[in-house]
Amino acid sequence: MFTQSAPAIAIDETTPDAVTPMVQEEFDPGLVMTCCANCGKQMIDRKCKMICECGYFLSCSDYY
């Protein structure tokens, strides 16, 4: 007769029993607003405009 046995379960002893919480790095959401939408570099603030080296710019009316 054919008998089925329970499959063996592999236990990895290198994993810790307690899950350590993920540490979230400090993130400044203001930096996202000053990144160029065209190339991703940091734009320079010039009066009412944000200007990038690649030529892309935003005026103050673009923020609203």
C-alpha atoms as a PDB file:
ATOM      1  CA  MET A   1       0.000   0.000   0.000  1.00  0.00           C
ATOM      2  CA  PHE A   2       0.984   3.602  -0.608  1.00  0.00           C
ATOM      3  CA  THR A   3       1.091   5.890   2.430  1.00  0.00           C
ATOM      4  CA  GLN A   4       1.510   9.644   2.411  1.00  0.00           C
ATOM      5  CA  SER A   5       3.777  11.327   4.888  1.00  0.00           C
ATOM      6  CA  ALA A   6       3.670  14.920   5.982  1.00  0.00           C
ATOM      7  CA  PRO A   7       6.102  17.149   4.079  1.00  0.00           C
ATOM      8  CA  ALA A   8       9.183  18.223   5.963  1.00  0.00           C
ATOM      9  CA  ILE A   9       9.208  21.848   7.040  1.00  0.00           C
ATOM     10  CA  ALA A  10      12.540  23.608   6.763  1.00  0.00           C
ATOM     11  CA  ILE A  11      13.347  25.961   9.618  1.00  0.00           C
ATOM     12  CA  ASP A  12      15.847  28.701   9.040  1.00  0.00           C
ATOM     13  CA  GLU A  13      17.663  29.237  12.331  1.00  0.00           C
ATOM     14  CA  THR A  14      19.333  32.428  11.125  1.00  0.00           C
ATOM     15  CA  THR A  15      16.118  34.468  11.143  1.00  0.00           C
ATOM     16  CA  PRO A  16      15.316  36.201  14.429  1.00  0.00           C
ATOM     17  CA  ASP A  17      12.178  35.275  16.327  1.00  0.00           C
ATOM     18  CA  ALA A  18      11.100  38.866  16.820  1.00  0.00           C
ATOM     19  CA  VAL A  19      10.615  41.032  13.781  1.00  0.00           C
ATOM     20  CA  THR A  20      12.557  44.254  14.100  1.00  0.00           C
ATOM     21  CA  PRO A  21      10.659  47.386  13.082  1.00  0.00           C
ATOM     22  CA  MET A  22      11.859  49.108   9.940  1.00  0.00           C
ATOM     23  CA  VAL A  23      13.574  52.396  10.630  1.00  0.00           C
ATOM     24  CA  GLN A  24      12.274  55.124   8.379  1.00  0.00           C
ATOM     25  CA  GLU A  25      14.883  57.645   7.322  1.00  0.00           C
ATOM     26  CA  GLU A  26      14.282  61.338   7.828  1.00  0.00           C
ATOM     27  CA  PHE A  27      12.459  62.669   4.769  1.00  0.00           C
ATOM     28  CA  ASP A  28      11.876  66.305   3.900  1.00  0.00           C
ATOM     29  CA  PRO A  29       8.751  66.614   1.712  1.00  0.00           C
ATOM     30  CA  GLY A  30       9.831  70.145   0.759  1.00  0.00           C
ATOM     31  CA  LEU A  31      12.672  68.683  -1.304  1.00  0.00           C
ATOM     32  CA  VAL A  32      10.184  66.958  -3.586  1.00  0.00           C
ATOM     33  CA  MET A  33       8.689  70.311  -4.553  1.00  0.00           C
ATOM     34  CA  THR A  34      12.096  71.680  -5.518  1.00  0.00           C
ATOM     35  CA  CYS A  35      13.096  68.739  -7.742  1.00  0.00           C
ATOM     36  CA  CYS A  36      12.937  69.237 -11.486  1.00  0.00           C
ATOM     37  CA  ALA A  37      10.111  67.336 -13.175  1.00  0.00           C
ATOM     38  CA  ASN A  38      12.220  67.087 -16.324  1.00  0.00           C
ATOM     39  CA  CYS A  39      15.590  65.776 -15.113  1.00  0.00           C
ATOM     40  CA  GLY A  40      15.207  65.268 -11.328  1.00  0.00           C
ATOM     41  CA  LYS A  41      17.927  67.683 -10.230  1.00  0.00           C
ATOM     42  CA  GLN A  42      17.451  70.260  -7.478  1.00  0.00           C
ATOM     43  CA  MET A  43      16.048  73.524  -8.868  1.00  0.00           C
ATOM     44  CA  ILE A  44      17.311  76.965  -7.846  1.00  0.00           C
ATOM     45  CA  ASP A  45      14.921  79.473  -6.266  1.00  0.00           C
ATOM     46  CA  ARG A  46      15.016  82.815  -8.114  1.00  0.00           C
ATOM     47  CA  LYS A  47      12.416  85.254  -6.774  1.00  0.00           C
ATOM     48  CA  CYS A  48       9.092  83.912  -8.039  1.00  0.00           C
ATOM     49  CA  LYS A  49      10.562  81.129 -10.200  1.00  0.00           C
ATOM     50  CA  MET A  50      12.198  77.783  -9.648  1.00  0.00           C
ATOM     51  CA  ILE A  51      14.815  77.287 -12.375  1.00  0.00           C
ATOM     52  CA  CYS A  52      16.710  74.115 -13.319  1.00  0.00           C
ATOM     53  CA  GLU A  53      20.012  73.720 -15.158  1.00  0.00           C
ATOM     54  CA  CYS A  54      18.232  71.817 -17.941  1.00  0.00           C
ATOM     55  CA  GLY A  55      16.039  74.839 -18.746  1.00  0.00           C
ATOM     56  CA  TYR A  56      12.860  73.701 -17.012  1.00  0.00           C
ATOM     57  CA  PHE A  57      11.226  76.285 -14.753  1.00  0.00           C
ATOM     58  CA  LEU A  58       8.139  76.848 -12.616  1.00  0.00           C
ATOM     59  CA  SER A  59       6.661  80.209 -11.801  1.00  0.00           C
ATOM     60  CA  CYS A  60       4.736  80.946  -8.619  1.00  0.00           C
ATOM     61  CA  SER A  61       1.432  80.557 -10.488  1.00  0.00           C
ATOM     62  CA  ASP A  62       2.360  76.943 -11.358  1.00  0.00           C
ATOM     63  CA  TYR A  63       2.257  75.921  -7.693  1.00  0.00           C
ATOM     64  CA  TYR A  64      -1.482  76.567  -7.367  1.00  0.00           C
END
